[in-house]
């Protein structure tokens, strides 16, 4: 396999494979309720075909089970993970964690899941109300996540766990973004939440003589002290457990607005990640929740052929010269007025070209621990 398909360098970091777009949560910061496409689950045959399509070909680094929906709802999740593992593909599961009990966790580990990302997102009872979770209280949910995280402190498996948090500093701007949802507006709030959860998870483990925590807990505590709510942050708790924070945008409401479309800007979509929805449709990136960039299906177009399609190549070439080509991308990088749109377009270049790359390097350093 060539190391490049047209303008796209290989391997691409992530292929997001949507096992289902059905979810047992209804988060206010997620566009689930705005999704117009049909709900369903990917067939095992389609999942296996996708896996066979990338196995041993150098197309992707990681197969991540998520675009929309809760992948643990898929009845054959473990079998699909096992199938990918047997073919040497690194896998990652993004889940809200509500269904991740000890039995499922052990089954996933035995099947060879490489990483699990638990989207905790809302760290206390008040913010948990944004999740629209039915049949589970915050206390029960928190106990479940703490139990899972404590297991990964032991380092008794090769799987790694990331607990993901959201921050909401953009609502504090002069022109606020998504002001309706407040999770951790200030750096001090985010530090407080991270320390609270670190203490819950590391209780009875945080001692100078404990080799399971990095430097007996000094590294995670120092990393928490250095975080900033306006960027992604990674806190390494142990060799198999980390916290990660990211800034909450207006993804759930952005496409409801009448925007001034973007003309210039940058997005790493396709080059860094692309998606395949549960019905086999390709999408340019993991944020295309409604399949609006879909023009090909994996049932009749191989992944390598898809990446080489003129429509895909033109989008990538455009972003490489800071031009926005596709109508969906123009709307995504646009905003409600000229000033906001201009700032967002400039911000996309600064964020994706410099800020995020710095955060990703920290993640890569952790993965090498």
Foldseek 3Di string as FASTA:
>chain_A
DDQAQQLFGFQFAEEEEEQWQAAQWDFPLDQSVVADDDTDGADLVLLLLQLVLPQPPRHYQEYEHDQHYANVVDPCSLVSLLSNVVSPHAYEYEHCQPPDAPVNVVSNLVSPHAEYEHAVAAQDQVLCVSTRHPPDHPVRSLVRVLVVLLVQLVVPGNHAYEYEYEAECQCVDPPRFPVVHHGHNFLVSQLVSVVVSLCSNCPVQQDCPRQSFPNSQPQQNVQSVPDGNQAWGWGGGGLRYIYIYGYRGNLNCLVVADWDFAFFAADCFQNRYWYAHSQFFTGRHSSPSHNPRTDDGCVPARPSRVCNDPVNSVCSVQRVVGGHDDPVNRSVLTGRDDVVSVVSRVVRCCCVVPRVVVNVVVVVVSNVD
